[in-house]
Full PDB file with SEQRES, HELIX, SHEET, SSBOND, CRYST1, ORIGX, SCALE, CONECT and MASTER records, all heavy atoms in Angstrom:
SEQRES   1 A   31  LYS GLN VAL ASN GLU GLU ILE ILE ARG ASP PHE ILE HIS          
SEQRES   2 A   31  SER GLY ALA PRO ILE LYS SER ILE ILE LEU ARG TYR PHE          
SEQRES   3 A   31  ASN PRO ILE GLY ALA                                          
HELIX    1 AA1 GLN A    2  HIS A   13  1                                  12    
CRYST1    1.000    1.000    1.000  90.00  90.00  90.00 P 1           1          
ORIGX1      1.000000  0.000000  0.000000        0.00000                         
ORIGX2      0.000000  1.000000  0.000000        0.00000                         
ORIGX3      0.000000  0.000000  1.000000        0.00000                         
SCALE1      1.000000  0.000000  0.000000        0.00000                         
SCALE2      0.000000  1.000000  0.000000        0.00000                         
SCALE3      0.000000  0.000000  1.000000        0.00000                         
ATOM      1  N   LYS A   1     -91.561 100.105-114.526  1.00  0.00           N  
ATOM      2  CA  LYS A   1     -90.276  99.410-114.656  1.00  0.00           C  
ATOM      3  C   LYS A   1     -90.479  97.895-114.578  1.00  0.00           C  
ATOM      4  O   LYS A   1     -89.891  97.137-115.352  1.00  0.00           O  
ATOM      5  CB  LYS A   1     -89.298  99.891-113.579  1.00  0.00           C  
ATOM      6  CG  LYS A   1     -88.849 101.338-113.749  1.00  0.00           C  
ATOM      7  CD  LYS A   1     -88.130 101.567-115.067  1.00  0.00           C  
ATOM      8  CE  LYS A   1     -87.624 102.983-115.228  1.00  0.00           C  
ATOM      9  NZ  LYS A   1     -87.067 103.255-116.558  1.00  0.00           N  
ATOM     10  N   GLN A   2     -91.316  97.456-113.634  1.00  0.00           N  
ATOM     11  CA  GLN A   2     -91.601  96.025-113.527  1.00  0.00           C  
ATOM     12  C   GLN A   2     -92.233  95.491-114.806  1.00  0.00           C  
ATOM     13  O   GLN A   2     -91.818  94.453-115.347  1.00  0.00           O  
ATOM     14  CB  GLN A   2     -92.561  95.762-112.361  1.00  0.00           C  
ATOM     15  CG  GLN A   2     -91.949  95.955-110.998  1.00  0.00           C  
ATOM     16  CD  GLN A   2     -92.909  95.555-109.882  1.00  0.00           C  
ATOM     17  OE1 GLN A   2     -93.910  94.888-110.127  1.00  0.00           O  
ATOM     18  NE2 GLN A   2     -92.611  95.963-108.678  1.00  0.00           N  
ATOM     19  N   VAL A   3     -93.247  96.193-115.290  1.00  0.00           N  
ATOM     20  CA  VAL A   3     -93.968  95.740-116.487  1.00  0.00           C  
ATOM     21  C   VAL A   3     -93.039  95.749-117.699  1.00  0.00           C  
ATOM     22  O   VAL A   3     -93.052  94.819-118.527  1.00  0.00           O  
ATOM     23  CB  VAL A   3     -95.227  96.600-116.736  1.00  0.00           C  
ATOM     24  CG1 VAL A   3     -95.893  96.227-118.054  1.00  0.00           C  
ATOM     25  CG2 VAL A   3     -96.213  96.436-115.585  1.00  0.00           C  
ATOM     26  N   ASN A   4     -92.199  96.767-117.820  1.00  0.00           N  
ATOM     27  CA  ASN A   4     -91.265  96.823-118.940  1.00  0.00           C  
ATOM     28  C   ASN A   4     -90.300  95.636-118.919  1.00  0.00           C  
ATOM     29  O   ASN A   4     -89.973  95.065-119.964  1.00  0.00           O  
ATOM     30  CB  ASN A   4     -90.489  98.142-118.936  1.00  0.00           C  
ATOM     31  CG  ASN A   4     -91.234  99.236-119.669  1.00  0.00           C  
ATOM     32  OD1 ASN A   4     -92.093  98.975-120.498  1.00  0.00           O  
ATOM     33  ND2 ASN A   4     -90.907 100.482-119.371  1.00  0.00           N  
ATOM     34  N   GLU A   5     -89.822  95.283-117.733  1.00  0.00           N  
ATOM     35  CA  GLU A   5     -88.950  94.109-117.633  1.00  0.00           C  
ATOM     36  C   GLU A   5     -89.688  92.852-118.108  1.00  0.00           C  
ATOM     37  O   GLU A   5     -89.127  92.013-118.817  1.00  0.00           O  
ATOM     38  CB  GLU A   5     -88.474  93.916-116.192  1.00  0.00           C  
ATOM     39  CG  GLU A   5     -87.443  94.941-115.747  1.00  0.00           C  
ATOM     40  CD  GLU A   5     -86.774  94.547-114.432  1.00  0.00           C  
ATOM     41  OE1 GLU A   5     -86.967  93.391-113.989  1.00  0.00           O  
ATOM     42  OE2 GLU A   5     -86.047  95.382-113.863  1.00  0.00           O  
ATOM     43  N   GLU A   6     -90.964  92.730-117.718  1.00  0.00           N  
ATOM     44  CA  GLU A   6     -91.766  91.571-118.138  1.00  0.00           C  
ATOM     45  C   GLU A   6     -91.980  91.574-119.653  1.00  0.00           C  
ATOM     46  O   GLU A   6     -91.937  90.518-120.298  1.00  0.00           O  
ATOM     47  CB  GLU A   6     -93.116  91.584-117.413  1.00  0.00           C  
ATOM     48  CG  GLU A   6     -93.005  91.286-115.929  1.00  0.00           C  
ATOM     49  CD  GLU A   6     -94.279  91.617-115.164  1.00  0.00           C  
ATOM     50  OE1 GLU A   6     -95.298  91.945-115.808  1.00  0.00           O  
ATOM     51  OE2 GLU A   6     -94.240  91.551-113.927  1.00  0.00           O  
ATOM     52  N   ILE A   7     -92.212  92.758-120.215  1.00  0.00           N  
ATOM     53  CA  ILE A   7     -92.404  92.872-121.670  1.00  0.00           C  
ATOM     54  C   ILE A   7     -91.151  92.386-122.401  1.00  0.00           C  
ATOM     55  O   ILE A   7     -91.228  91.626-123.375  1.00  0.00           O  
ATOM     56  CB  ILE A   7     -92.739  94.329-122.065  1.00  0.00           C  
ATOM     57  CG1 ILE A   7     -94.153  94.694-121.606  1.00  0.00           C  
ATOM     58  CG2 ILE A   7     -92.604  94.533-123.580  1.00  0.00           C  
ATOM     59  CD1 ILE A   7     -94.469  96.180-121.698  1.00  0.00           C  
ATOM     60  N   ILE A   8     -89.988  92.820-121.937  1.00  0.00           N  
ATOM     61  CA  ILE A   8     -88.724  92.398-122.565  1.00  0.00           C  
ATOM     62  C   ILE A   8     -88.571  90.883-122.486  1.00  0.00           C  
ATOM     63  O   ILE A   8     -88.279  90.213-123.484  1.00  0.00           O  
ATOM     64  CB  ILE A   8     -87.526  93.103-121.890  1.00  0.00           C  
ATOM     65  CG1 ILE A   8     -87.499  94.588-122.261  1.00  0.00           C  
ATOM     66  CG2 ILE A   8     -86.205  92.443-122.302  1.00  0.00           C  
ATOM     67  CD1 ILE A   8     -86.538  95.426-121.444  1.00  0.00           C  
ATOM     68  N   ARG A   9     -88.798  90.325-121.295  1.00  0.00           N  
ATOM     69  CA  ARG A   9     -88.649  88.873-121.126  1.00  0.00           C  
ATOM     70  C   ARG A   9     -89.641  88.099-121.987  1.00  0.00           C  
ATOM     71  O   ARG A   9     -89.284  87.118-122.647  1.00  0.00           O  
ATOM     72  CB  ARG A   9     -88.813  88.495-119.642  1.00  0.00           C  
ATOM     73  CG  ARG A   9     -87.549  88.696-118.818  1.00  0.00           C  
ATOM     74  CD  ARG A   9     -87.658  87.980-117.484  1.00  0.00           C  
ATOM     75  NE  ARG A   9     -88.676  88.590-116.646  1.00  0.00           N  
ATOM     76  CZ  ARG A   9     -88.422  89.514-115.717  1.00  0.00           C  
ATOM     77  NH1 ARG A   9     -87.192  89.928-115.520  1.00  0.00           N  
ATOM     78  NH2 ARG A   9     -89.395  90.024-114.996  1.00  0.00           N  
ATOM     79  N   ASP A  10     -90.895  88.549-121.990  1.00  0.00           N  
ATOM     80  CA  ASP A  10     -91.924  87.849-122.778  1.00  0.00           C  
ATOM     81  C   ASP A  10     -91.613  87.904-124.268  1.00  0.00           C  
ATOM     82  O   ASP A  10     -91.815  86.916-124.995  1.00  0.00           O  
ATOM     83  CB  ASP A  10     -93.307  88.464-122.506  1.00  0.00           C  
ATOM     84  CG  ASP A  10     -93.839  88.138-121.115  1.00  0.00           C  
ATOM     85  OD1 ASP A  10     -93.270  87.239-120.458  1.00  0.00           O  
ATOM     86  OD2 ASP A  10     -94.805  88.791-120.682  1.00  0.00           O  
ATOM     87  N   PHE A  11     -91.133  89.057-124.731  1.00  0.00           N  
ATOM     88  CA  PHE A  11     -90.838  89.219-126.159  1.00  0.00           C  
ATOM     89  C   PHE A  11     -89.690  88.304-126.571  1.00  0.00           C  
ATOM     90  O   PHE A  11     -89.756  87.610-127.590  1.00  0.00           O  
ATOM     91  CB  PHE A  11     -90.504  90.683-126.455  1.00  0.00           C  
ATOM     92  CG  PHE A  11     -90.328  90.985-127.918  1.00  0.00           C  
ATOM     93  CD1 PHE A  11     -91.305  90.643-128.842  1.00  0.00           C  
ATOM     94  CD2 PHE A  11     -89.184  91.623-128.373  1.00  0.00           C  
ATOM     95  CE1 PHE A  11     -91.149  90.925-130.196  1.00  0.00           C  
ATOM     96  CE2 PHE A  11     -89.014  91.911-129.718  1.00  0.00           C  
ATOM     97  CZ  PHE A  11     -90.001  91.562-130.634  1.00  0.00           C  
ATOM     98  N   ILE A  12     -88.648  88.273-125.750  1.00  0.00           N  
ATOM     99  CA  ILE A  12     -87.497  87.422-126.073  1.00  0.00           C  
ATOM    100  C   ILE A  12     -87.877  85.945-125.958  1.00  0.00           C  
ATOM    101  O   ILE A  12     -87.491  85.116-126.791  1.00  0.00           O  
ATOM    102  CB  ILE A  12     -86.292  87.802-125.188  1.00  0.00           C  
ATOM    103  CG1 ILE A  12     -85.762  89.182-125.637  1.00  0.00           C  
ATOM    104  CG2 ILE A  12     -85.186  86.752-125.266  1.00  0.00           C  
ATOM    105  CD1 ILE A  12     -84.662  89.761-124.789  1.00  0.00           C  
ATOM    106  N   HIS A  13     -88.678  85.622-124.950  1.00  0.00           N  
ATOM    107  CA  HIS A  13     -89.138  84.237-124.760  1.00  0.00           C  
ATOM    108  C   HIS A  13     -89.994  83.766-125.955  1.00  0.00           C  
ATOM    109  O   HIS A  13     -90.010  82.575-126.285  1.00  0.00           O  
ATOM    110  CB  HIS A  13     -89.940  84.119-123.461  1.00  0.00           C  
ATOM    111  CG  HIS A  13     -90.415  82.733-123.163  1.00  0.00           C  
ATOM    112  ND1 HIS A  13     -89.548  81.707-122.811  1.00  0.00           N  
ATOM    113  CD2 HIS A  13     -91.661  82.180-123.176  1.00  0.00           C  
ATOM    114  CE1 HIS A  13     -90.242  80.593-122.623  1.00  0.00           C  
ATOM    115  NE2 HIS A  13     -91.526  80.849-122.834  1.00  0.00           N  
ATOM    116  N   SER A  14     -90.651  84.713-126.611  1.00  0.00           N  
ATOM    117  CA  SER A  14     -91.492  84.353-127.763  1.00  0.00           C  
ATOM    118  C   SER A  14     -90.661  83.980-128.992  1.00  0.00           C  
ATOM    119  O   SER A  14     -91.207  83.552-130.006  1.00  0.00           O  
ATOM    120  CB  SER A  14     -92.416  85.529-128.123  1.00  0.00           C  
ATOM    121  OG  SER A  14     -91.693  86.555-128.793  1.00  0.00           O  
ATOM    122  N   GLY A  15     -89.341  84.165-128.884  1.00  0.00           N  
ATOM    123  CA  GLY A  15     -88.467  83.812-130.002  1.00  0.00           C  
ATOM    124  C   GLY A  15     -87.873  84.996-130.723  1.00  0.00           C  
ATOM    125  O   GLY A  15     -87.198  84.836-131.745  1.00  0.00           O  
ATOM    126  N   ALA A  16     -88.095  86.212-130.218  1.00  0.00           N  
ATOM    127  CA  ALA A  16     -87.531  87.406-130.863  1.00  0.00           C  
ATOM    128  C   ALA A  16     -85.998  87.300-130.903  1.00  0.00           C  
ATOM    129  O   ALA A  16     -85.381  86.925-129.903  1.00  0.00           O  
ATOM    130  CB  ALA A  16     -87.944  88.663-130.099  1.00  0.00           C  
ATOM    131  N   PRO A  17     -85.384  87.631-132.033  1.00  0.00           N  
ATOM    132  CA  PRO A  17     -83.937  87.420-132.208  1.00  0.00           C  
ATOM    133  C   PRO A  17     -83.110  88.564-131.615  1.00  0.00           C  
ATOM    134  O   PRO A  17     -82.275  89.167-132.293  1.00  0.00           O  
ATOM    135  CB  PRO A  17     -83.796  87.356-133.731  1.00  0.00           C  
ATOM    136  CG  PRO A  17     -84.872  88.293-134.219  1.00  0.00           C  
ATOM    137  CD  PRO A  17     -86.024  88.149-133.251  1.00  0.00           C  
ATOM    138  N   ILE A  18     -83.363  88.871-130.358  1.00  0.00           N  
ATOM    139  CA  ILE A  18     -82.628  89.964-129.719  1.00  0.00           C  
ATOM    140  C   ILE A  18     -82.158  89.515-128.341  1.00  0.00           C  
ATOM    141  O   ILE A  18     -82.614  88.523-127.800  1.00  0.00           O  
ATOM    142  CB  ILE A  18     -83.485  91.242-129.581  1.00  0.00           C  
ATOM    143  CG1 ILE A  18     -84.656  91.011-128.620  1.00  0.00           C  
ATOM    144  CG2 ILE A  18     -83.971  91.733-130.942  1.00  0.00           C  
ATOM    145  CD1 ILE A  18     -85.375  92.285-128.206  1.00  0.00           C  
ATOM    146  N   LYS A  19     -81.216  90.315-127.794  1.00  0.00           N  
ATOM    147  CA  LYS A  19     -80.752  90.120-126.419  1.00  0.00           C  
ATOM    148  C   LYS A  19     -81.070  91.380-125.622  1.00  0.00           C  
ATOM    149  O   LYS A  19     -81.240  92.461-126.192  1.00  0.00           O  
ATOM    150  CB  LYS A  19     -79.244  89.881-126.389  1.00  0.00           C  
ATOM    151  CG  LYS A  19     -78.823  88.509-126.846  1.00  0.00           C  
ATOM    152  CD  LYS A  19     -77.360  88.267-126.504  1.00  0.00           C  
ATOM    153  CE  LYS A  19     -77.109  86.770-126.331  1.00  0.00           C  
ATOM    154  NZ  LYS A  19     -75.843  86.489-125.678  1.00  0.00           N  
ATOM    155  N   SER A  20     -81.079  91.227-124.300  1.00  0.00           N  
ATOM    156  CA  SER A  20     -81.280  92.409-123.465  1.00  0.00           C  
ATOM    157  C   SER A  20     -80.481  92.287-122.176  1.00  0.00           C  
ATOM    158  O   SER A  20     -80.378  91.201-121.588  1.00  0.00           O  
ATOM    159  CB  SER A  20     -82.756  92.594-123.129  1.00  0.00           C  
ATOM    160  OG  SER A  20     -82.925  93.753-122.329  1.00  0.00           O  
ATOM    161  N   ILE A  21     -79.917  93.400-121.767  1.00  0.00           N  
ATOM    162  CA  ILE A  21     -79.337  93.508-120.427  1.00  0.00           C  
ATOM    163  C   ILE A  21     -80.150  94.553-119.680  1.00  0.00           C  
ATOM    164  O   ILE A  21     -80.298  95.692-120.141  1.00  0.00           O  
ATOM    165  CB  ILE A  21     -77.843  93.873-120.457  1.00  0.00           C  
ATOM    166  CG1 ILE A  21     -77.041  92.705-121.052  1.00  0.00           C  
ATOM    167  CG2 ILE A  21     -77.344  94.214-119.052  1.00  0.00           C  
ATOM    168  CD1 ILE A  21     -75.543  92.923-121.122  1.00  0.00           C  
ATOM    169  N   ILE A  22     -80.717  94.133-118.560  1.00  0.00           N  
ATOM    170  CA  ILE A  22     -81.546  95.010-117.728  1.00  0.00           C  
ATOM    171  C   ILE A  22     -80.686  95.491-116.572  1.00  0.00           C  
ATOM    172  O   ILE A  22     -80.147  94.674-115.811  1.00  0.00           O  
ATOM    173  CB  ILE A  22     -82.793  94.252-117.227  1.00  0.00           C  
ATOM    174  CG1 ILE A  22     -83.724  93.916-118.406  1.00  0.00           C  
ATOM    175  CG2 ILE A  22     -83.529  95.069-116.163  1.00  0.00           C  
ATOM    176  CD1 ILE A  22     -84.843  92.936-118.066  1.00  0.00           C  
ATOM    177  N   LEU A  23     -80.539  96.804-116.448  1.00  0.00           N  
ATOM    178  CA  LEU A  23     -79.725  97.388-115.382  1.00  0.00           C  
ATOM    179  C   LEU A  23     -80.644  98.038-114.356  1.00  0.00           C  
ATOM    180  O   LEU A  23     -81.363  98.986-114.670  1.00  0.00           O  
ATOM    181  CB  LEU A  23     -78.756  98.420-115.961  1.00  0.00           C  
ATOM    182  CG  LEU A  23     -77.770  97.878-117.011  1.00  0.00           C  
ATOM    183  CD1 LEU A  23     -76.908  99.007-117.565  1.00  0.00           C  
ATOM    184  CD2 LEU A  23     -76.894  96.763-116.437  1.00  0.00           C  
ATOM    185  N   ARG A  24     -80.641  97.503-113.157  1.00  0.00           N  
ATOM    186  CA  ARG A  24     -81.479  98.057-112.084  1.00  0.00           C  
ATOM    187  C   ARG A  24     -80.642  99.040-111.264  1.00  0.00           C  
ATOM    188  O   ARG A  24     -79.800  98.640-110.463  1.00  0.00           O  
ATOM    189  CB  ARG A  24     -82.014  96.925-111.202  1.00  0.00           C  
ATOM    190  CG  ARG A  24     -83.046  96.044-111.913  1.00  0.00           C  
ATOM    191  CD  ARG A  24     -83.452  94.861-111.048  1.00  0.00           C  
ATOM    192  NE  ARG A  24     -84.505  94.070-111.706  1.00  0.00           N  
ATOM    193  CZ  ARG A  24     -84.860  92.848-111.332  1.00  0.00           C  
ATOM    194  NH1 ARG A  24     -84.258  92.261-110.293  1.00  0.00           N  
ATOM    195  NH2 ARG A  24     -85.823  92.199-111.972  1.00  0.00           N  
ATOM    196  N   TYR A  25     -80.897 100.325-111.501  1.00  0.00           N  
ATOM    197  CA  TYR A  25     -80.134 101.363-110.801  1.00  0.00           C  
ATOM    198  C   TYR A  25     -80.654 101.531-109.384  1.00  0.00           C  
ATOM    199  O   TYR A  25     -81.847 101.421-109.133  1.00  0.00           O  
ATOM    200  CB  TYR A  25     -80.286 102.746-111.434  1.00  0.00           C  
ATOM    201  CG  TYR A  25     -80.172 102.851-112.913  1.00  0.00           C  
ATOM    202  CD1 TYR A  25     -80.770 103.922-113.562  1.00  0.00           C  
ATOM    203  CD2 TYR A  25     -79.473 101.932-113.663  1.00  0.00           C  
ATOM    204  CE1 TYR A  25     -80.681 104.059-114.931  1.00  0.00           C  
ATOM    205  CE2 TYR A  25     -79.384 102.065-115.032  1.00  0.00           C  
ATOM    206  CZ  TYR A  25     -79.989 103.120-115.668  1.00  0.00           C  
ATOM    207  OH  TYR A  25     -79.902 103.268-117.021  1.00  0.00           O  
ATOM    208  N   PHE A  26     -79.719 101.929-108.528  1.00  0.00           N  
ATOM    209  CA  PHE A  26     -80.148 102.399-107.226  1.00  0.00           C  
ATOM    210  C   PHE A  26     -80.301 103.928-107.350  1.00  0.00           C  
ATOM    211  O   PHE A  26     -81.087 104.363-108.183  1.00  0.00           O  
ATOM    212  CB  PHE A  26     -79.218 101.834-106.145  1.00  0.00           C  
ATOM    213  CG  PHE A  26     -79.615 100.396-105.839  1.00  0.00           C  
ATOM    214  CD1 PHE A  26     -79.468  99.395-106.799  1.00  0.00           C  
ATOM    215  CD2 PHE A  26     -80.239 100.072-104.663  1.00  0.00           C  
ATOM    216  CE1 PHE A  26     -79.905  98.096-106.567  1.00  0.00           C  
ATOM    217  CE2 PHE A  26     -80.685  98.774-104.412  1.00  0.00           C  
ATOM    218  CZ  PHE A  26     -80.510  97.799-105.363  1.00  0.00           C  
ATOM    219  N   ASN A  27     -79.608 104.775-106.668  1.00  0.00           N  
ATOM    220  CA  ASN A  27     -79.928 106.218-106.731  1.00  0.00           C  
ATOM    221  C   ASN A  27     -78.788 107.028-107.341  1.00  0.00           C  
ATOM    222  O   ASN A  27     -77.846 107.392-106.632  1.00  0.00           O  
ATOM    223  CB  ASN A  27     -80.268 106.747-105.330  1.00  0.00           C  
ATOM    224  CG  ASN A  27     -81.621 106.233-104.865  1.00  0.00           C  
ATOM    225  OD1 ASN A  27     -81.755 105.063-104.537  1.00  0.00           O  
ATOM    226  ND2 ASN A  27     -82.615 107.090-104.869  1.00  0.00           N  
ATOM    227  N   PRO A  28     -78.876 107.326-108.641  1.00  0.00           N  
ATOM    228  CA  PRO A  28     -77.797 108.069-109.303  1.00  0.00           C  
ATOM    229  C   PRO A  28     -77.771 109.535-108.865  1.00  0.00           C  
ATOM    230  O   PRO A  28     -78.808 110.199-108.832  1.00  0.00           O  
ATOM    231  CB  PRO A  28     -78.138 107.970-110.792  1.00  0.00           C  
ATOM    232  CG  PRO A  28     -79.238 106.955-110.894  1.00  0.00           C  
ATOM    233  CD  PRO A  28     -79.931 106.945-109.584  1.00  0.00           C  
ATOM    234  N   ILE A  29     -76.587 110.014-108.541  1.00  0.00           N  
ATOM    235  CA  ILE A  29     -76.408 111.427-108.161  1.00  0.00           C  
ATOM    236  C   ILE A  29     -75.076 111.926-108.707  1.00  0.00           C  
ATOM    237  O   ILE A  29     -74.276 111.162-109.229  1.00  0.00           O  
ATOM    238  CB  ILE A  29     -76.470 111.647-106.627  1.00  0.00           C  
ATOM    239  CG1 ILE A  29     -75.339 110.888-105.924  1.00  0.00           C  
ATOM    240  CG2 ILE A  29     -77.825 111.241-106.073  1.00  0.00           C  
ATOM    241  CD1 ILE A  29     -75.174 111.248-104.451  1.00  0.00           C  
ATOM    242  N   GLY A  30     -74.835 113.237-108.559  1.00  0.00           N  
ATOM    243  CA  GLY A  30     -73.563 113.820-108.981  1.00  0.00           C  
ATOM    244  C   GLY A  30     -73.611 114.331-110.403  1.00  0.00           C  
ATOM    245  O   GLY A  30     -74.665 114.389-111.039  1.00  0.00           O  
ATOM    246  N   ALA A  31     -72.430 114.692-110.907  1.00  0.00           N  
ATOM    247  CA  ALA A  31     -72.313 115.282-112.242  1.00  0.00           C  
ATOM    248  C   ALA A  31     -70.963 114.917-112.826  1.00  0.00           C  
ATOM    249  O   ALA A  31     -70.083 114.407-112.126  1.00  0.00           O  
ATOM    250  CB  ALA A  31     -72.465 116.801-112.154  1.00  0.00           C  
TER     251      ALA A  31                                                      
MASTER        0    0    0    1    0    0    0    6  250    1    0    3          
END                                                                             
């Protein structure tokens, strides 16, 4: 998860024409 966040940031920082919203979940439960 950490590395993926870094990959997204590095790719966008390189000038990629995209946006990203990173959602850091805590503990999903239920139905």
